[in-house]
Amino acid sequence: MLLSSAQGRAVVAVSTAEQLGTITAVTLAPSPPHISAVRLKTRGRHGHVMAWSNVHSFGKDALTVRSVEALKPENELGSDEEAHRSHDPLGKPVLVETGECVGTIEDLDFDETDGRIRALFTAEGEIPGDRLIGVGSYAVIVQRPE
């Protein structure tokens, strides 16, 4: 599934059937490359995040989650936490490990059952997800193709 297709989708708690918010973004973690957290637009001043491990299922109409208690206010996260917005890849330059820029992240493809990253998309082309090395506040780092 493309992240651009998932953005704006409702997030609903299974236990209460309450809509908690809508998907705005995700954060990534390497080794293996996967979605570490989902960022939500919620009521109030600040958004919330939840770990991917709280995802119950990802359907065509909504993302269902196991527990409302798993939501954390985004402004309470430390920059070292995987769910922090600095690990959101969209709009960041993509650097190969040798320092060469190969584009800017425009979208990504992920497996909605386990959060595994299949591909990263730039205007210059597709980068296989298994090449992801790291995501930081400045850039996304990938392995050079062999």
N, C-alpha and C. Protein backbone atom coordinates (compact mmCIF):
# COMPACT_ATOMS: atom_id res chain seq x y z
N MET A 1 0.85 -1.17 0.00
CA MET A 1 0.00 0.00 0.00
C MET A 1 0.89 1.24 0.00
N LEU A 2 0.50 2.24 -0.77
CA LEU A 2 1.23 3.50 -0.78
C LEU A 2 0.83 4.34 0.42
N LEU A 3 1.79 5.00 1.02
CA LEU A 3 1.49 5.88 2.15
C LEU A 3 0.52 6.97 1.72
N SER A 4 0.69 7.49 0.51
CA SER A 4 -0.21 8.55 0.04
C SER A 4 -1.67 8.07 -0.01
N SER A 5 -1.89 6.77 -0.20
CA SER A 5 -3.25 6.21 -0.18
C SER A 5 -3.78 6.05 1.24
N ALA A 6 -2.88 5.87 2.19
CA ALA A 6 -3.28 5.66 3.59
C ALA A 6 -3.52 6.97 4.33
N GLN A 7 -2.88 8.04 3.91
CA GLN A 7 -3.03 9.32 4.60
C GLN A 7 -4.49 9.77 4.55
N GLY A 8 -4.98 10.24 5.68
CA GLY A 8 -6.35 10.70 5.78
C GLY A 8 -7.33 9.60 6.17
N ARG A 9 -6.86 8.36 6.20
CA ARG A 9 -7.72 7.24 6.58
C ARG A 9 -8.02 7.29 8.07
N ALA A 10 -9.24 6.93 8.45
CA ALA A 10 -9.66 6.94 9.85
C ALA A 10 -8.88 5.91 10.65
N VAL A 11 -8.63 6.24 11.92
CA VAL A 11 -8.02 5.31 12.88
C VAL A 11 -9.07 5.07 13.96
N VAL A 12 -9.44 3.78 14.13
CA VAL A 12 -10.54 3.42 15.01
C VAL A 12 -10.08 2.39 16.04
N ALA A 13 -10.45 2.60 17.30
CA ALA A 13 -10.12 1.65 18.36
C ALA A 13 -11.08 0.47 18.30
N VAL A 14 -10.56 -0.75 18.30
CA VAL A 14 -11.38 -1.95 18.25
C VAL A 14 -12.25 -2.07 19.50
N SER A 15 -11.69 -1.77 20.65
CA SER A 15 -12.40 -1.98 21.92
C SER A 15 -13.56 -1.01 22.15
N THR A 16 -13.47 0.20 21.58
CA THR A 16 -14.51 1.20 21.84
C THR A 16 -15.26 1.64 20.59
N ALA A 17 -14.78 1.25 19.41
CA ALA A 17 -15.34 1.67 18.12
C ALA A 17 -15.31 3.19 17.96
N GLU A 18 -14.42 3.85 18.68
CA GLU A 18 -14.28 5.30 18.63
C GLU A 18 -13.24 5.67 17.57
N GLN A 19 -13.54 6.71 16.76
CA GLN A 19 -12.53 7.21 15.83
C GLN A 19 -11.57 8.08 16.63
N LEU A 20 -10.29 7.71 16.57
CA LEU A 20 -9.27 8.40 17.34
C LEU A 20 -8.64 9.55 16.58
N GLY A 21 -8.69 9.47 15.26
CA GLY A 21 -8.07 10.48 14.43
C GLY A 21 -7.93 9.97 13.02
N THR A 22 -7.04 10.61 12.25
CA THR A 22 -6.75 10.19 10.89
C THR A 22 -5.24 10.09 10.71
N ILE A 23 -4.82 9.25 9.80
CA ILE A 23 -3.39 9.04 9.53
C ILE A 23 -2.83 10.27 8.81
N THR A 24 -1.74 10.80 9.34
CA THR A 24 -1.06 11.91 8.67
C THR A 24 0.29 11.49 8.11
N ALA A 25 0.99 10.61 8.84
CA ALA A 25 2.34 10.24 8.44
C ALA A 25 2.75 8.97 9.18
N VAL A 26 3.94 8.51 8.87
CA VAL A 26 4.52 7.37 9.58
C VAL A 26 5.98 7.69 9.90
N THR A 27 6.54 6.92 10.80
CA THR A 27 7.97 7.00 11.05
C THR A 27 8.56 5.64 10.73
N LEU A 28 9.82 5.63 10.32
CA LEU A 28 10.47 4.39 9.90
C LEU A 28 11.64 4.02 10.79
N ALA A 29 11.91 2.74 10.82
CA ALA A 29 13.08 2.22 11.52
C ALA A 29 13.75 1.20 10.58
N PRO A 30 15.07 1.15 10.58
CA PRO A 30 15.77 0.17 9.75
C PRO A 30 15.96 -1.16 10.48
N SER A 31 16.45 -2.13 9.77
CA SER A 31 16.96 -3.37 10.35
C SER A 31 15.94 -4.22 11.10
N PRO A 32 14.99 -4.82 10.46
CA PRO A 32 14.63 -4.68 9.04
C PRO A 32 13.82 -3.41 8.82
N PRO A 33 13.85 -2.86 7.62
CA PRO A 33 13.11 -1.63 7.33
C PRO A 33 11.61 -1.82 7.54
N HIS A 34 11.03 -1.03 8.44
CA HIS A 34 9.61 -1.16 8.75
C HIS A 34 9.05 0.15 9.31
N ILE A 35 7.73 0.25 9.30
CA ILE A 35 7.06 1.38 9.94
C ILE A 35 7.15 1.16 11.45
N SER A 36 7.70 2.11 12.15
CA SER A 36 7.81 1.99 13.60
C SER A 36 6.60 2.59 14.31
N ALA A 37 6.01 3.63 13.70
CA ALA A 37 4.86 4.28 14.33
C ALA A 37 4.01 4.97 13.28
N VAL A 38 2.76 5.19 13.64
CA VAL A 38 1.81 5.92 12.81
C VAL A 38 1.51 7.24 13.51
N ARG A 39 1.59 8.33 12.77
CA ARG A 39 1.28 9.65 13.31
C ARG A 39 -0.15 9.99 12.95
N LEU A 40 -0.90 10.56 13.91
CA LEU A 40 -2.32 10.84 13.73
C LEU A 40 -2.64 12.30 13.94
N LYS A 41 -3.60 12.77 13.17
CA LYS A 41 -4.21 14.07 13.45
C LYS A 41 -5.37 13.75 14.38
N THR A 42 -5.38 14.38 15.54
CA THR A 42 -6.42 14.15 16.54
C THR A 42 -7.01 15.49 16.94
N ARG A 43 -8.08 15.43 17.71
CA ARG A 43 -8.65 16.68 18.23
C ARG A 43 -7.65 17.34 19.18
N GLY A 44 -7.67 18.65 19.21
CA GLY A 44 -6.76 19.36 20.11
C GLY A 44 -5.60 19.97 19.36
N ARG A 45 -4.70 20.53 20.12
CA ARG A 45 -3.58 21.27 19.55
C ARG A 45 -2.51 20.38 18.94
N HIS A 46 -2.23 19.26 19.55
CA HIS A 46 -1.14 18.41 19.11
C HIS A 46 -1.66 17.08 18.60
N GLY A 47 -0.90 16.50 17.69
CA GLY A 47 -1.25 15.17 17.19
C GLY A 47 -0.76 14.10 18.16
N HIS A 48 -1.01 12.87 17.79
CA HIS A 48 -0.60 11.72 18.59
C HIS A 48 0.14 10.72 17.71
N VAL A 49 0.86 9.84 18.35
CA VAL A 49 1.53 8.74 17.65
C VAL A 49 1.20 7.44 18.37
N MET A 50 1.34 6.35 17.62
CA MET A 50 1.19 5.03 18.23
C MET A 50 2.14 4.09 17.53
N ALA A 51 2.68 3.17 18.29
CA ALA A 51 3.60 2.18 17.74
C ALA A 51 2.87 1.28 16.76
N TRP A 52 3.56 0.83 15.74
CA TRP A 52 2.98 -0.09 14.76
C TRP A 52 2.48 -1.36 15.45
N SER A 53 3.10 -1.76 16.53
CA SER A 53 2.70 -2.98 17.24
C SER A 53 1.26 -2.89 17.77
N ASN A 54 0.69 -1.69 17.84
CA ASN A 54 -0.69 -1.51 18.29
C ASN A 54 -1.71 -1.67 17.15
N VAL A 55 -1.22 -1.79 15.91
CA VAL A 55 -2.12 -1.95 14.77
C VAL A 55 -2.80 -3.31 14.84
N HIS A 56 -4.12 -3.31 14.75
CA HIS A 56 -4.89 -4.56 14.69
C HIS A 56 -5.03 -5.00 13.24
N SER A 57 -5.51 -4.10 12.38
CA SER A 57 -5.58 -4.40 10.95
C SER A 57 -5.66 -3.10 10.16
N PHE A 58 -5.29 -3.22 8.90
CA PHE A 58 -5.27 -2.08 8.01
C PHE A 58 -6.23 -2.40 6.87
N GLY A 59 -7.45 -1.88 6.96
CA GLY A 59 -8.45 -2.15 5.95
C GLY A 59 -8.55 -1.03 4.94
N LYS A 60 -9.40 -1.24 3.92
CA LYS A 60 -9.53 -0.23 2.86
C LYS A 60 -10.23 1.04 3.34
N ASP A 61 -10.97 0.95 4.46
CA ASP A 61 -11.69 2.12 4.97
C ASP A 61 -11.11 2.70 6.25
N ALA A 62 -10.42 1.89 7.03
CA ALA A 62 -9.90 2.38 8.31
C ALA A 62 -8.74 1.52 8.79
N LEU A 63 -7.95 2.11 9.65
CA LEU A 63 -6.90 1.41 10.39
C LEU A 63 -7.49 1.14 11.77
N THR A 64 -7.55 -0.13 12.17
CA THR A 64 -8.06 -0.43 13.50
C THR A 64 -6.89 -0.70 14.43
N VAL A 65 -7.03 -0.24 15.67
CA VAL A 65 -5.96 -0.37 16.65
C VAL A 65 -6.47 -1.11 17.88
N ARG A 66 -5.54 -1.77 18.56
CA ARG A 66 -5.90 -2.59 19.71
C ARG A 66 -6.33 -1.79 20.93
N SER A 67 -5.65 -0.67 21.19
CA SER A 67 -5.86 0.03 22.45
C SER A 67 -5.75 1.54 22.29
N VAL A 68 -6.69 2.25 22.88
CA VAL A 68 -6.65 3.71 22.92
C VAL A 68 -5.48 4.17 23.78
N GLU A 69 -5.17 3.41 24.81
CA GLU A 69 -4.09 3.78 25.74
C GLU A 69 -2.72 3.80 25.08
N ALA A 70 -2.59 3.19 23.91
CA ALA A 70 -1.29 3.15 23.22
C ALA A 70 -0.95 4.47 22.54
N LEU A 71 -1.91 5.38 22.43
CA LEU A 71 -1.64 6.69 21.82
C LEU A 71 -0.79 7.54 22.75
N LYS A 72 0.20 8.19 22.18
CA LYS A 72 1.05 9.10 22.95
C LYS A 72 0.98 10.48 22.31
N PRO A 73 0.88 11.53 23.11
CA PRO A 73 0.94 12.87 22.54
C PRO A 73 2.29 13.08 21.84
N GLU A 74 2.24 13.57 20.61
CA GLU A 74 3.45 13.73 19.82
C GLU A 74 4.46 14.66 20.49
N ASN A 75 3.99 15.69 21.19
CA ASN A 75 4.90 16.66 21.79
C ASN A 75 5.61 16.12 23.03
N GLU A 76 5.26 14.92 23.48
CA GLU A 76 5.92 14.32 24.64
C GLU A 76 7.04 13.34 24.27
N LEU A 77 7.27 13.14 22.97
CA LEU A 77 8.29 12.20 22.52
C LEU A 77 9.67 12.84 22.49
N GLY A 78 10.67 12.09 22.90
CA GLY A 78 12.05 12.54 22.79
C GLY A 78 12.56 12.29 21.39
N SER A 79 13.51 13.10 20.93
CA SER A 79 14.02 12.97 19.56
C SER A 79 14.72 11.64 19.31
N ASP A 80 15.09 10.93 20.38
CA ASP A 80 15.75 9.63 20.22
C ASP A 80 14.76 8.48 20.05
N GLU A 81 13.46 8.74 20.23
CA GLU A 81 12.46 7.68 20.11
C GLU A 81 12.11 7.44 18.64
N GLU A 82 11.93 6.16 18.27
CA GLU A 82 11.61 5.80 16.89
C GLU A 82 10.35 6.47 16.38
N ALA A 83 9.40 6.76 17.24
CA ALA A 83 8.13 7.36 16.84
C ALA A 83 8.22 8.88 16.65
N HIS A 84 9.37 9.49 16.96
CA HIS A 84 9.53 10.94 16.85
C HIS A 84 9.41 11.37 15.38
N ARG A 85 8.83 12.55 15.16
CA ARG A 85 8.60 13.04 13.80
C ARG A 85 9.88 13.17 12.97
N SER A 86 11.03 13.22 13.60
CA SER A 86 12.29 13.31 12.84
C SER A 86 12.55 12.04 12.03
N HIS A 87 11.83 10.96 12.32
CA HIS A 87 11.99 9.71 11.59
C HIS A 87 10.93 9.55 10.49
N ASP A 88 10.20 10.64 10.20
CA ASP A 88 9.25 10.67 9.09
C ASP A 88 10.07 10.91 7.82
N PRO A 89 10.02 10.01 6.84
CA PRO A 89 10.89 10.13 5.67
C PRO A 89 10.42 11.11 4.60
N LEU A 90 9.13 11.44 4.55
CA LEU A 90 8.61 12.25 3.44
C LEU A 90 9.28 13.61 3.36
N GLY A 91 9.68 13.96 2.14
CA GLY A 91 10.29 15.26 1.88
C GLY A 91 11.77 15.34 2.19
N LYS A 92 12.36 14.25 2.67
CA LYS A 92 13.78 14.28 3.03
C LYS A 92 14.64 13.82 1.86
N PRO A 93 15.86 14.38 1.76
CA PRO A 93 16.77 13.90 0.72
C PRO A 93 17.19 12.46 1.00
N VAL A 94 17.45 11.73 -0.08
CA VAL A 94 17.94 10.36 0.04
C VAL A 94 19.42 10.38 -0.31
N LEU A 95 20.23 9.93 0.63
CA LEU A 95 21.67 9.85 0.41
C LEU A 95 22.10 8.39 0.40
N VAL A 96 22.96 8.03 -0.57
CA VAL A 96 23.57 6.72 -0.48
C VAL A 96 24.64 6.82 0.59
N GLU A 97 25.06 5.70 1.10
CA GLU A 97 25.99 5.69 2.23
C GLU A 97 27.29 6.42 1.94
N THR A 98 27.61 6.65 0.66
CA THR A 98 28.83 7.37 0.30
C THR A 98 28.61 8.88 0.25
N GLY A 99 27.37 9.35 0.50
CA GLY A 99 27.10 10.78 0.57
C GLY A 99 26.48 11.39 -0.66
N GLU A 100 26.22 10.62 -1.70
CA GLU A 100 25.62 11.14 -2.93
C GLU A 100 24.10 11.21 -2.79
N CYS A 101 23.52 12.36 -3.16
CA CYS A 101 22.07 12.53 -3.10
C CYS A 101 21.44 11.90 -4.34
N VAL A 102 20.40 11.08 -4.12
CA VAL A 102 19.74 10.39 -5.23
C VAL A 102 18.25 10.72 -5.27
N GLY A 103 17.87 11.88 -4.75
CA GLY A 103 16.48 12.29 -4.82
C GLY A 103 15.92 12.68 -3.46
N THR A 104 14.62 12.87 -3.43
CA THR A 104 13.87 13.24 -2.23
C THR A 104 12.68 12.30 -2.11
N ILE A 105 12.42 11.83 -0.91
CA ILE A 105 11.31 10.88 -0.70
C ILE A 105 9.97 11.57 -0.97
N GLU A 106 9.22 11.00 -1.91
CA GLU A 106 7.89 11.50 -2.25
C GLU A 106 6.78 10.59 -1.74
N ASP A 107 7.07 9.29 -1.64
CA ASP A 107 6.06 8.33 -1.19
C ASP A 107 6.80 7.05 -0.82
N LEU A 108 6.07 6.12 -0.22
CA LEU A 108 6.65 4.81 0.07
C LEU A 108 5.57 3.76 -0.02
N ASP A 109 6.00 2.54 -0.30
CA ASP A 109 5.11 1.40 -0.38
C ASP A 109 5.42 0.49 0.80
N PHE A 110 4.37 0.06 1.51
CA PHE A 110 4.57 -0.79 2.68
C PHE A 110 3.55 -1.92 2.68
N ASP A 111 3.90 -2.98 3.40
CA ASP A 111 3.00 -4.11 3.58
C ASP A 111 2.08 -3.78 4.75
N GLU A 112 0.79 -3.68 4.49
CA GLU A 112 -0.15 -3.26 5.54
C GLU A 112 -0.35 -4.32 6.62
N THR A 113 0.10 -5.55 6.42
CA THR A 113 -0.06 -6.57 7.45
C THR A 113 1.05 -6.52 8.50
N ASP A 114 2.26 -6.17 8.08
CA ASP A 114 3.37 -6.17 9.04
C ASP A 114 4.19 -4.88 9.07
N GLY A 115 3.86 -3.91 8.23
CA GLY A 115 4.57 -2.64 8.23
C GLY A 115 5.90 -2.64 7.52
N ARG A 116 6.27 -3.76 6.88
CA ARG A 116 7.55 -3.85 6.17
C ARG A 116 7.58 -2.87 5.00
N ILE A 117 8.71 -2.20 4.80
CA ILE A 117 8.87 -1.24 3.71
C ILE A 117 9.27 -2.00 2.44
N ARG A 118 8.44 -1.87 1.42
CA ARG A 118 8.73 -2.53 0.14
C ARG A 118 9.59 -1.65 -0.76
N ALA A 119 9.27 -0.33 -0.79
CA ALA A 119 9.98 0.58 -1.69
C ALA A 119 9.84 2.02 -1.21
N LEU A 120 10.84 2.81 -1.55
CA LEU A 120 10.83 4.26 -1.35
C LEU A 120 10.78 4.89 -2.73
N PHE A 121 9.97 5.93 -2.91
CA PHE A 121 9.83 6.55 -4.22
C PHE A 121 10.35 7.98 -4.21
N THR A 122 11.16 8.30 -5.22
CA THR A 122 11.64 9.66 -5.47
C THR A 122 11.27 10.01 -6.91
N ALA A 123 11.44 11.26 -7.29
CA ALA A 123 11.18 11.66 -8.68
C ALA A 123 12.15 10.94 -9.62
N GLU A 124 13.29 10.52 -9.10
CA GLU A 124 14.30 9.84 -9.92
C GLU A 124 14.03 8.34 -10.06
N GLY A 125 13.13 7.80 -9.24
CA GLY A 125 12.82 6.38 -9.37
C GLY A 125 12.53 5.71 -8.03
N GLU A 126 12.46 4.40 -8.10
CA GLU A 126 12.11 3.55 -6.96
C GLU A 126 13.37 2.97 -6.33
N ILE A 127 13.39 2.97 -4.99
CA ILE A 127 14.51 2.39 -4.25
C ILE A 127 13.94 1.23 -3.43
N PRO A 128 14.47 0.02 -3.61
CA PRO A 128 13.96 -1.12 -2.83
C PRO A 128 14.05 -0.85 -1.32
N GLY A 129 13.00 -1.20 -0.59
CA GLY A 129 12.95 -0.94 0.84
C GLY A 129 14.05 -1.60 1.63
N ASP A 130 14.54 -2.74 1.17
CA ASP A 130 15.58 -3.44 1.92
C ASP A 130 16.93 -2.72 1.87
N ARG A 131 17.04 -1.64 1.11
CA ARG A 131 18.27 -0.84 1.07
C ARG A 131 18.29 0.25 2.14
N LEU A 132 17.20 0.44 2.87
CA LEU A 132 17.13 1.48 3.90
C LEU A 132 18.12 1.18 5.02
N ILE A 133 18.95 2.17 5.34
CA ILE A 133 19.92 2.04 6.43
C ILE A 133 19.49 2.87 7.63
N GLY A 134 18.96 4.08 7.37
CA GLY A 134 18.58 4.94 8.48
C GLY A 134 17.74 6.12 8.04
N VAL A 135 17.00 6.68 9.01
CA VAL A 135 16.19 7.88 8.78
C VAL A 135 16.47 8.82 9.94
N GLY A 136 16.85 10.04 9.61
CA GLY A 136 17.13 11.01 10.66
C GLY A 136 16.47 12.34 10.36
N SER A 137 16.82 13.33 11.14
CA SER A 137 16.19 14.64 10.99
C SER A 137 16.56 15.32 9.68
N TYR A 138 17.70 14.95 9.09
CA TYR A 138 18.12 15.58 7.84
C TYR A 138 17.82 14.74 6.60
N ALA A 139 18.08 13.45 6.65
CA ALA A 139 18.03 12.65 5.44
C ALA A 139 17.65 11.19 5.72
N VAL A 140 17.40 10.51 4.61
CA VAL A 140 17.21 9.05 4.60
C VAL A 140 18.47 8.48 3.97
N ILE A 141 19.07 7.49 4.61
CA ILE A 141 20.30 6.88 4.10
C ILE A 141 19.98 5.50 3.56
N VAL A 142 20.48 5.20 2.37
CA VAL A 142 20.26 3.90 1.73
C VAL A 142 21.60 3.31 1.27
N GLN A 143 21.61 2.01 1.10
CA GLN A 143 22.79 1.33 0.55
C GLN A 143 22.89 1.62 -0.94
N ARG A 144 24.12 1.72 -1.41
CA ARG A 144 24.36 1.87 -2.83
C ARG A 144 23.99 0.58 -3.54
N PRO A 145 23.30 0.68 -4.69
CA PRO A 145 22.96 -0.57 -5.40
C PRO A 145 24.22 -1.28 -5.87
N GLU A 146 24.16 -2.57 -5.89
CA GLU A 146 25.35 -3.35 -6.31
C GLU A 146 25.40 -3.54 -7.79
